[in-house]
Amino acid sequence: IIEDAGSIEYAREHALELAADARAAVDELDLDAET
């Protein structure tokens, strides 16, 4: 039921959006390129 509802894709997309927002926060830190 969970798979057929497309819930795995929905959750993964949401996690990817959060990860993108997290990377935007990193850009505010002015860290070196390696970190």
Full PDB file with SEQRES, HELIX, SHEET, SSBOND, CRYST1, ORIGX, SCALE, CONECT and MASTER records, all heavy atoms in Angstrom:
SEQRES   1 A   35  ILE ILE GLU ASP ALA GLY SER ILE GLU TYR ALA ARG GLU          
SEQRES   2 A   35  HIS ALA LEU GLU LEU ALA ALA ASP ALA ARG ALA ALA VAL          
SEQRES   3 A   35  ASP GLU LEU ASP LEU ASP ALA GLU THR                          
HELIX    1 AA1 SER A    7  VAL A   26  1                                  20    
CRYST1    1.000    1.000    1.000  90.00  90.00  90.00 P 1           1          
ORIGX1      1.000000  0.000000  0.000000        0.00000                         
ORIGX2      0.000000  1.000000  0.000000        0.00000                         
ORIGX3      0.000000  0.000000  1.000000        0.00000                         
SCALE1      1.000000  0.000000  0.000000        0.00000                         
SCALE2      0.000000  1.000000  0.000000        0.00000                         
SCALE3      0.000000  0.000000  1.000000        0.00000                         
ATOM      1  N   ILE A   1       0.845  -1.199   0.000  1.00  0.00           N  
ATOM      2  CA  ILE A   1       0.000   0.000   0.000  1.00  0.00           C  
ATOM      3  C   ILE A   1       0.877   1.245   0.000  1.00  0.00           C  
ATOM      4  O   ILE A   1       0.636   2.209  -0.748  1.00  0.00           O  
ATOM      5  CB  ILE A   1      -0.946  -0.002   1.222  1.00  0.00           C  
ATOM      6  CG1 ILE A   1      -1.981  -1.124   1.091  1.00  0.00           C  
ATOM      7  CG2 ILE A   1      -1.642   1.359   1.373  1.00  0.00           C  
ATOM      8  CD1 ILE A   1      -2.818  -1.340   2.338  1.00  0.00           C  
ATOM      9  N   ILE A   2       1.912   1.241   0.832  1.00  0.00           N  
ATOM     10  CA  ILE A   2       2.816   2.390   0.917  1.00  0.00           C  
ATOM     11  C   ILE A   2       3.538   2.595  -0.413  1.00  0.00           C  
ATOM     12  O   ILE A   2       3.649   3.720  -0.910  1.00  0.00           O  
ATOM     13  CB  ILE A   2       3.822   2.179   2.065  1.00  0.00           C  
ATOM     14  CG1 ILE A   2       3.097   2.232   3.419  1.00  0.00           C  
ATOM     15  CG2 ILE A   2       4.944   3.214   2.022  1.00  0.00           C  
ATOM     16  CD1 ILE A   2       3.926   1.782   4.598  1.00  0.00           C  
ATOM     17  N   GLU A   3       3.982   1.512  -1.003  1.00  0.00           N  
ATOM     18  CA  GLU A   3       4.687   1.601  -2.283  1.00  0.00           C  
ATOM     19  C   GLU A   3       3.755   2.082  -3.390  1.00  0.00           C  
ATOM     20  O   GLU A   3       4.118   2.977  -4.178  1.00  0.00           O  
ATOM     21  CB  GLU A   3       5.276   0.242  -2.645  1.00  0.00           C  
ATOM     22  CG  GLU A   3       6.105   0.246  -3.918  1.00  0.00           C  
ATOM     23  CD  GLU A   3       6.689  -1.111  -4.236  1.00  0.00           C  
ATOM     24  OE1 GLU A   3       6.066  -2.145  -3.861  1.00  0.00           O  
ATOM     25  OE2 GLU A   3       7.746  -1.155  -4.875  1.00  0.00           O  
ATOM     26  N   ASP A   4       2.556   1.529  -3.452  1.00  0.00           N  
ATOM     27  CA  ASP A   4       1.610   1.882  -4.519  1.00  0.00           C  
ATOM     28  C   ASP A   4       1.145   3.332  -4.423  1.00  0.00           C  
ATOM     29  O   ASP A   4       0.776   3.933  -5.442  1.00  0.00           O  
ATOM     30  CB  ASP A   4       0.387   0.952  -4.464  1.00  0.00           C  
ATOM     31  CG  ASP A   4       0.735  -0.487  -4.835  1.00  0.00           C  
ATOM     32  OD1 ASP A   4       1.830  -0.704  -5.397  1.00  0.00           O  
ATOM     33  OD2 ASP A   4      -0.078  -1.391  -4.533  1.00  0.00           O  
ATOM     34  N   ALA A   5       1.162   3.899  -3.222  1.00  0.00           N  
ATOM     35  CA  ALA A   5       0.742   5.295  -3.049  1.00  0.00           C  
ATOM     36  C   ALA A   5       1.813   6.284  -3.490  1.00  0.00           C  
ATOM     37  O   ALA A   5       1.579   7.501  -3.490  1.00  0.00           O  
ATOM     38  CB  ALA A   5       0.380   5.540  -1.583  1.00  0.00           C  
ATOM     39  N   GLY A   6       2.977   5.769  -3.882  1.00  0.00           N  
ATOM     40  CA  GLY A   6       4.070   6.655  -4.278  1.00  0.00           C  
ATOM     41  C   GLY A   6       4.747   7.314  -3.083  1.00  0.00           C  
ATOM     42  O   GLY A   6       5.442   8.325  -3.236  1.00  0.00           O  
ATOM     43  N   SER A   7       4.592   6.706  -1.908  1.00  0.00           N  
ATOM     44  CA  SER A   7       5.081   7.342  -0.681  1.00  0.00           C  
ATOM     45  C   SER A   7       6.589   7.280  -0.545  1.00  0.00           C  
ATOM     46  O   SER A   7       7.187   8.165   0.078  1.00  0.00           O  
ATOM     47  CB  SER A   7       4.408   6.696   0.533  1.00  0.00           C  
ATOM     48  OG  SER A   7       3.001   6.839   0.449  1.00  0.00           O  
ATOM     49  N   ILE A   8       7.202   6.256  -1.124  1.00  0.00           N  
ATOM     50  CA  ILE A   8       8.665   6.181  -1.070  1.00  0.00           C  
ATOM     51  C   ILE A   8       9.265   7.334  -1.865  1.00  0.00           C  
ATOM     52  O   ILE A   8      10.177   8.030  -1.393  1.00  0.00           O  
ATOM     53  CB  ILE A   8       9.162   4.825  -1.604  1.00  0.00           C  
ATOM     54  CG1 ILE A   8       8.662   3.684  -0.712  1.00  0.00           C  
ATOM     55  CG2 ILE A   8      10.687   4.811  -1.695  1.00  0.00           C  
ATOM     56  CD1 ILE A   8       8.964   2.298  -1.250  1.00  0.00           C  
ATOM     57  N   GLU A   9       8.738   7.552  -3.059  1.00  0.00           N  
ATOM     58  CA  GLU A   9       9.247   8.649  -3.900  1.00  0.00           C  
ATOM     59  C   GLU A   9       8.976  10.001  -3.246  1.00  0.00           C  
ATOM     60  O   GLU A   9       9.819  10.904  -3.276  1.00  0.00           O  
ATOM     61  CB  GLU A   9       8.596   8.597  -5.281  1.00  0.00           C  
ATOM     62  CG  GLU A   9       8.999   7.396  -6.123  1.00  0.00           C  
ATOM     63  CD  GLU A   9       8.265   6.108  -5.724  1.00  0.00           C  
ATOM     64  OE1 GLU A   9       7.347   6.175  -4.870  1.00  0.00           O  
ATOM     65  OE2 GLU A   9       8.621   5.043  -6.254  1.00  0.00           O  
ATOM     66  N   TYR A  10       7.784  10.131  -2.658  1.00  0.00           N  
ATOM     67  CA  TYR A  10       7.432  11.384  -1.981  1.00  0.00           C  
ATOM     68  C   TYR A  10       8.417  11.676  -0.852  1.00  0.00           C  
ATOM     69  O   TYR A  10       8.927  12.801  -0.718  1.00  0.00           O  
ATOM     70  CB  TYR A  10       6.017  11.289  -1.421  1.00  0.00           C  
ATOM     71  CG  TYR A  10       5.669  12.347  -0.397  1.00  0.00           C  
ATOM     72  CD1 TYR A  10       5.305  13.638  -0.792  1.00  0.00           C  
ATOM     73  CD2 TYR A  10       5.692  12.054   0.967  1.00  0.00           C  
ATOM     74  CE1 TYR A  10       4.992  14.604   0.152  1.00  0.00           C  
ATOM     75  CE2 TYR A  10       5.376  13.012   1.917  1.00  0.00           C  
ATOM     76  CZ  TYR A  10       5.032  14.283   1.505  1.00  0.00           C  
ATOM     77  OH  TYR A  10       4.727  15.246   2.440  1.00  0.00           O  
ATOM     78  N   ALA A  11       8.688  10.674  -0.011  1.00  0.00           N  
ATOM     79  CA  ALA A  11       9.581  10.871   1.130  1.00  0.00           C  
ATOM     80  C   ALA A  11      11.008  11.166   0.664  1.00  0.00           C  
ATOM     81  O   ALA A  11      11.684  12.044   1.227  1.00  0.00           O  
ATOM     82  CB  ALA A  11       9.560   9.638   2.033  1.00  0.00           C  
ATOM     83  N   ARG A  12      11.456  10.450  -0.362  1.00  0.00           N  
ATOM     84  CA  ARG A  12      12.810  10.692  -0.860  1.00  0.00           C  
ATOM     85  C   ARG A  12      12.939  12.102  -1.421  1.00  0.00           C  
ATOM     86  O   ARG A  12      13.956  12.779  -1.183  1.00  0.00           O  
ATOM     87  CB  ARG A  12      13.183   9.660  -1.923  1.00  0.00           C  
ATOM     88  CG  ARG A  12      14.587   9.879  -2.479  1.00  0.00           C  
ATOM     89  CD  ARG A  12      15.036   8.773  -3.418  1.00  0.00           C  
ATOM     90  NE  ARG A  12      15.387   7.574  -2.681  1.00  0.00           N  
ATOM     91  CZ  ARG A  12      14.665   6.454  -2.684  1.00  0.00           C  
ATOM     92  NH1 ARG A  12      13.550   6.380  -3.393  1.00  0.00           N  
ATOM     93  NH2 ARG A  12      15.062   5.402  -1.998  1.00  0.00           N  
ATOM     94  N   GLU A  13      11.941  12.561  -2.140  1.00  0.00           N  
ATOM     95  CA  GLU A  13      11.982  13.911  -2.692  1.00  0.00           C  
ATOM     96  C   GLU A  13      12.041  14.946  -1.573  1.00  0.00           C  
ATOM     97  O   GLU A  13      12.773  15.938  -1.664  1.00  0.00           O  
ATOM     98  CB  GLU A  13      10.754  14.152  -3.579  1.00  0.00           C  
ATOM     99  CG  GLU A  13      10.731  15.509  -4.262  1.00  0.00           C  
ATOM    100  CD  GLU A  13      11.914  15.714  -5.208  1.00  0.00           C  
ATOM    101  OE1 GLU A  13      12.386  14.724  -5.806  1.00  0.00           O  
ATOM    102  OE2 GLU A  13      12.370  16.870  -5.326  1.00  0.00           O  
ATOM    103  N   HIS A  14      11.281  14.694  -0.508  1.00  0.00           N  
ATOM    104  CA  HIS A  14      11.295  15.632   0.614  1.00  0.00           C  
ATOM    105  C   HIS A  14      12.662  15.630   1.293  1.00  0.00           C  
ATOM    106  O   HIS A  14      13.180  16.693   1.672  1.00  0.00           O  
ATOM    107  CB  HIS A  14      10.213  15.274   1.631  1.00  0.00           C  
ATOM    108  CG  HIS A  14       9.819  16.424   2.502  1.00  0.00           C  
ATOM    109  ND1 HIS A  14       8.807  17.297   2.187  1.00  0.00           N  
ATOM    110  CD2 HIS A  14      10.345  16.874   3.669  1.00  0.00           C  
ATOM    111  CE1 HIS A  14       8.704  18.220   3.125  1.00  0.00           C  
ATOM    112  NE2 HIS A  14       9.630  17.981   4.040  1.00  0.00           N  
ATOM    113  N   ALA A  15      13.252  14.447   1.452  1.00  0.00           N  
ATOM    114  CA  ALA A  15      14.581  14.360   2.060  1.00  0.00           C  
ATOM    115  C   ALA A  15      15.617  15.093   1.198  1.00  0.00           C  
ATOM    116  O   ALA A  15      16.507  15.774   1.724  1.00  0.00           O  
ATOM    117  CB  ALA A  15      14.978  12.906   2.254  1.00  0.00           C  
ATOM    118  N   LEU A  16      15.500  14.975  -0.112  1.00  0.00           N  
ATOM    119  CA  LEU A  16      16.420  15.663  -1.007  1.00  0.00           C  
ATOM    120  C   LEU A  16      16.269  17.176  -0.911  1.00  0.00           C  
ATOM    121  O   LEU A  16      17.254  17.919  -0.979  1.00  0.00           O  
ATOM    122  CB  LEU A  16      16.192  15.196  -2.449  1.00  0.00           C  
ATOM    123  CG  LEU A  16      16.653  13.764  -2.759  1.00  0.00           C  
ATOM    124  CD1 LEU A  16      16.148  13.327  -4.127  1.00  0.00           C  
ATOM    125  CD2 LEU A  16      18.175  13.659  -2.684  1.00  0.00           C  
ATOM    126  N   GLU A  17      15.038  17.645  -0.737  1.00  0.00           N  
ATOM    127  CA  GLU A  17      14.808  19.084  -0.551  1.00  0.00           C  
ATOM    128  C   GLU A  17      15.452  19.580   0.739  1.00  0.00           C  
ATOM    129  O   GLU A  17      16.063  20.662   0.786  1.00  0.00           O  
ATOM    130  CB  GLU A  17      13.303  19.370  -0.535  1.00  0.00           C  
ATOM    131  CG  GLU A  17      12.623  19.200  -1.885  1.00  0.00           C  
ATOM    132  CD  GLU A  17      11.107  19.353  -1.786  1.00  0.00           C  
ATOM    133  OE1 GLU A  17      10.622  19.668  -0.685  1.00  0.00           O  
ATOM    134  OE2 GLU A  17      10.428  19.152  -2.811  1.00  0.00           O  
ATOM    135  N   LEU A  18      15.318  18.798   1.804  1.00  0.00           N  
ATOM    136  CA  LEU A  18      15.954  19.161   3.065  1.00  0.00           C  
ATOM    137  C   LEU A  18      17.472  19.202   2.918  1.00  0.00           C  
ATOM    138  O   LEU A  18      18.141  20.094   3.453  1.00  0.00           O  
ATOM    139  CB  LEU A  18      15.562  18.173   4.164  1.00  0.00           C  
ATOM    140  CG  LEU A  18      14.103  18.203   4.622  1.00  0.00           C  
ATOM    141  CD1 LEU A  18      13.816  17.003   5.529  1.00  0.00           C  
ATOM    142  CD2 LEU A  18      13.795  19.499   5.363  1.00  0.00           C  
ATOM    143  N   ALA A  19      18.013  18.224   2.189  1.00  0.00           N  
ATOM    144  CA  ALA A  19      19.454  18.184   1.973  1.00  0.00           C  
ATOM    145  C   ALA A  19      19.919  19.409   1.192  1.00  0.00           C  
ATOM    146  O   ALA A  19      20.988  19.975   1.474  1.00  0.00           O  
ATOM    147  CB  ALA A  19      19.830  16.903   1.236  1.00  0.00           C  
ATOM    148  N   ALA A  20      19.124  19.828   0.226  1.00  0.00           N  
ATOM    149  CA  ALA A  20      19.474  21.026  -0.547  1.00  0.00           C  
ATOM    150  C   ALA A  20      19.450  22.266   0.346  1.00  0.00           C  
ATOM    151  O   ALA A  20      20.328  23.139   0.247  1.00  0.00           O  
ATOM    152  CB  ALA A  20      18.510  21.189  -1.720  1.00  0.00           C  
ATOM    153  N   ASP A  21      18.453  22.361   1.221  1.00  0.00           N  
ATOM    154  CA  ASP A  21      18.389  23.483   2.160  1.00  0.00           C  
ATOM    155  C   ASP A  21      19.578  23.461   3.118  1.00  0.00           C  
ATOM    156  O   ASP A  21      20.107  24.514   3.496  1.00  0.00           O  
ATOM    157  CB  ASP A  21      17.086  23.433   2.960  1.00  0.00           C  
ATOM    158  CG  ASP A  21      15.853  23.733   2.105  1.00  0.00           C  
ATOM    159  OD1 ASP A  21      16.027  24.320   1.013  1.00  0.00           O  
ATOM    160  OD2 ASP A  21      14.743  23.382   2.520  1.00  0.00           O  
ATOM    161  N   ALA A  22      20.002  22.256   3.505  1.00  0.00           N  
ATOM    162  CA  ALA A  22      21.165  22.124   4.386  1.00  0.00           C  
ATOM    163  C   ALA A  22      22.420  22.646   3.689  1.00  0.00           C  
ATOM    164  O   ALA A  22      23.238  23.356   4.296  1.00  0.00           O  
ATOM    165  CB  ALA A  22      21.352  20.668   4.802  1.00  0.00           C  
ATOM    166  N   ARG A  23      22.566  22.325   2.410  1.00  0.00           N  
ATOM    167  CA  ARG A  23      23.736  22.810   1.671  1.00  0.00           C  
ATOM    168  C   ARG A  23      23.718  24.327   1.549  1.00  0.00           C  
ATOM    169  O   ARG A  23      24.773  24.978   1.575  1.00  0.00           O  
ATOM    170  CB  ARG A  23      23.799  22.150   0.298  1.00  0.00           C  
ATOM    171  CG  ARG A  23      24.156  20.666   0.351  1.00  0.00           C  
ATOM    172  CD  ARG A  23      24.485  20.101  -1.010  1.00  0.00           C  
ATOM    173  NE  ARG A  23      23.312  20.024  -1.870  1.00  0.00           N  
ATOM    174  CZ  ARG A  23      22.464  19.004  -1.879  1.00  0.00           C  
ATOM    175  NH1 ARG A  23      22.648  17.976  -1.065  1.00  0.00           N  
ATOM    176  NH2 ARG A  23      21.434  18.986  -2.699  1.00  0.00           N  
ATOM    177  N   ALA A  24      22.535  24.906   1.445  1.00  0.00           N  
ATOM    178  CA  ALA A  24      22.438  26.367   1.392  1.00  0.00           C  
ATOM    179  C   ALA A  24      22.925  26.980   2.700  1.00  0.00           C  
ATOM    180  O   ALA A  24      23.550  28.057   2.704  1.00  0.00           O  
ATOM    181  CB  ALA A  24      20.994  26.782   1.111  1.00  0.00           C  
ATOM    182  N   ALA A  25      22.657  26.307   3.819  1.00  0.00           N  
ATOM    183  CA  ALA A  25      23.135  26.805   5.114  1.00  0.00           C  
ATOM    184  C   ALA A  25      24.654  26.750   5.195  1.00  0.00           C  
ATOM    185  O   ALA A  25      25.281  27.621   5.806  1.00  0.00           O  
ATOM    186  CB  ALA A  25      22.508  25.998   6.254  1.00  0.00           C  
ATOM    187  N   VAL A  26      25.251  25.728   4.576  1.00  0.00           N  
ATOM    188  CA  VAL A  26      26.715  25.618   4.559  1.00  0.00           C  
ATOM    189  C   VAL A  26      27.334  26.830   3.864  1.00  0.00           C  
ATOM    190  O   VAL A  26      28.396  27.327   4.273  1.00  0.00           O  
ATOM    191  CB  VAL A  26      27.153  24.321   3.847  1.00  0.00           C  
ATOM    192  CG1 VAL A  26      28.671  24.288   3.639  1.00  0.00           C  
ATOM    193  CG2 VAL A  26      26.715  23.108   4.639  1.00  0.00           C  
ATOM    194  N   ASP A  27      26.672  27.323   2.828  1.00  0.00           N  
ATOM    195  CA  ASP A  27      27.201  28.445   2.067  1.00  0.00           C  
ATOM    196  C   ASP A  27      27.319  29.710   2.918  1.00  0.00           C  
ATOM    197  O   ASP A  27      28.067  30.634   2.576  1.00  0.00           O  
ATOM    198  CB  ASP A  27      26.323  28.721   0.852  1.00  0.00           C  
ATOM    199  CG  ASP A  27      26.357  27.585  -0.167  1.00  0.00           C  
ATOM    200  OD1 ASP A  27      27.339  26.817  -0.154  1.00  0.00           O  
ATOM    201  OD2 ASP A  27      25.398  27.451  -0.946  1.00  0.00           O  
ATOM    202  N   GLU A  28      26.593  29.757   4.030  1.00  0.00           N  
ATOM    203  CA  GLU A  28      26.663  30.915   4.919  1.00  0.00           C  
ATOM    204  C   GLU A  28      27.849  30.836   5.879  1.00  0.00           C  
ATOM    205  O   GLU A  28      28.119  31.793   6.610  1.00  0.00           O  
ATOM    206  CB  GLU A  28      25.368  31.031   5.729  1.00  0.00           C  
ATOM    207  CG  GLU A  28      24.110  31.205   4.893  1.00  0.00           C  
ATOM    208  CD  GLU A  28      22.855  31.258   5.763  1.00  0.00           C  
ATOM    209  OE1 GLU A  28      22.977  31.709   6.922  1.00  0.00           O  
ATOM    210  OE2 GLU A  28      21.794  30.844   5.285  1.00  0.00           O  
ATOM    211  N   LEU A  29      28.567  29.721   5.897  1.00  0.00           N  
ATOM    212  CA  LEU A  29      29.614  29.508   6.890  1.00  0.00           C  
ATOM    213  C   LEU A  29      30.993  29.981   6.451  1.00  0.00           C  
ATOM    214  O   LEU A  29      31.907  30.082   7.270  1.00  0.00           O  
ATOM    215  CB  LEU A  29      29.684  28.018   7.250  1.00  0.00           C  
ATOM    216  CG  LEU A  29      28.462  27.450   7.974  1.00  0.00           C  
ATOM    217  CD1 LEU A  29      28.583  25.933   8.118  1.00  0.00           C  
ATOM    218  CD2 LEU A  29      28.319  28.095   9.347  1.00  0.00           C  
ATOM    219  N   ASP A  30      31.194  30.219   5.163  1.00  0.00           N  
ATOM    220  CA  ASP A  30      32.496  30.660   4.646  1.00  0.00           C  
ATOM    221  C   ASP A  30      33.624  29.719   5.050  1.00  0.00           C  
ATOM    222  O   ASP A  30      34.695  30.144   5.505  1.00  0.00           O  
ATOM    223  CB  ASP A  30      32.815  32.086   5.139  1.00  0.00           C  
ATOM    224  CG  ASP A  30      31.782  33.095   4.675  1.00  0.00           C  
ATOM    225  OD1 ASP A  30      31.292  32.956   3.535  1.00  0.00           O  
ATOM    226  OD2 ASP A  30      31.445  34.011   5.453  1.00  0.00           O  
ATOM    227  N   LEU A  31      33.388  28.426   4.869  1.00  0.00           N  
ATOM    228  CA  LEU A  31      34.392  27.428   5.202  1.00  0.00           C  
ATOM    229  C   LEU A  31      35.305  27.181   4.010  1.00  0.00           C  
ATOM    230  O   LEU A  31      35.001  27.581   2.880  1.00  0.00           O  
ATOM    231  CB  LEU A  31      33.708  26.118   5.611  1.00  0.00           C  
ATOM    232  CG  LEU A  31      32.832  26.183   6.864  1.00  0.00           C  
ATOM    233  CD1 LEU A  31      32.026  24.900   7.002  1.00  0.00           C  
ATOM    234  CD2 LEU A  31      33.672  26.433   8.106  1.00  0.00           C  
ATOM    235  N   ASP A  32      36.422  26.496   4.238  1.00  0.00           N  
ATOM    236  CA  ASP A  32      37.313  26.150   3.135  1.00  0.00           C  
ATOM    237  C   ASP A  32      36.628  25.156   2.207  1.00  0.00           C  
ATOM    238  O   ASP A  32      35.655  24.489   2.575  1.00  0.00           O  
ATOM    239  CB  ASP A  32      38.624  25.564   3.667  1.00  0.00           C  
ATOM    240  CG  ASP A  32      38.412  24.273   4.439  1.00  0.00           C  
ATOM    241  OD1 ASP A  32      38.166  24.354   5.660  1.00  0.00           O  
ATOM    242  OD2 ASP A  32      38.468  23.206   3.826  1.00  0.00           O  
ATOM    243  N   ALA A  33      37.167  25.034   1.009  1.00  0.00           N  
ATOM    244  CA  ALA A  33      36.526  24.213  -0.025  1.00  0.00           C  
ATOM    245  C   ALA A  33      36.428  22.753   0.382  1.00  0.00           C  
ATOM    246  O   ALA A  33      35.418  22.086   0.110  1.00  0.00           O  
ATOM    247  CB  ALA A  33      37.289  24.348  -1.339  1.00  0.00           C  
ATOM    248  N   GLU A  34      37.461  22.226   1.056  1.00  0.00           N  
ATOM    249  CA  GLU A  34      37.451  20.810   1.432  1.00  0.00           C  
ATOM    250  C   GLU A  34      36.350  20.520   2.454  1.00  0.00           C  
ATOM    251  O   GLU A  34      35.619  19.531   2.321  1.00  0.00           O  
ATOM    252  CB  GLU A  34      38.802  20.401   2.007  1.00  0.00           C  
ATOM    253  CG  GLU A  34      38.876  18.922   2.368  1.00  0.00           C  
ATOM    254  CD  GLU A  34      40.230  18.511   2.918  1.00  0.00           C  
ATOM    255  OE1 GLU A  34      41.144  19.361   2.954  1.00  0.00           O  
ATOM    256  OE2 GLU A  34      40.372  17.339   3.312  1.00  0.00           O  
ATOM    257  N   THR A  35      36.219  21.368   3.468  1.00  0.00           N  
ATOM    258  CA  THR A  35      35.177  21.164   4.477  1.00  0.00           C  
ATOM    259  C   THR A  35      33.796  21.323   3.866  1.00  0.00           C  
ATOM    260  O   THR A  35      32.882  20.540   4.156  1.00  0.00           O  
ATOM    261  CB  THR A  35      35.350  22.158   5.641  1.00  0.00           C  
ATOM    262  OG1 THR A  35      36.649  21.993   6.219  1.00  0.00           O  
ATOM    263  CG2 THR A  35      34.285  21.932   6.714  1.00  0.00           C  
TER     264      THR A  35                                                      
MASTER        0    0    0    1    0    0    0    6  263    1    0    3          
END                                                                             
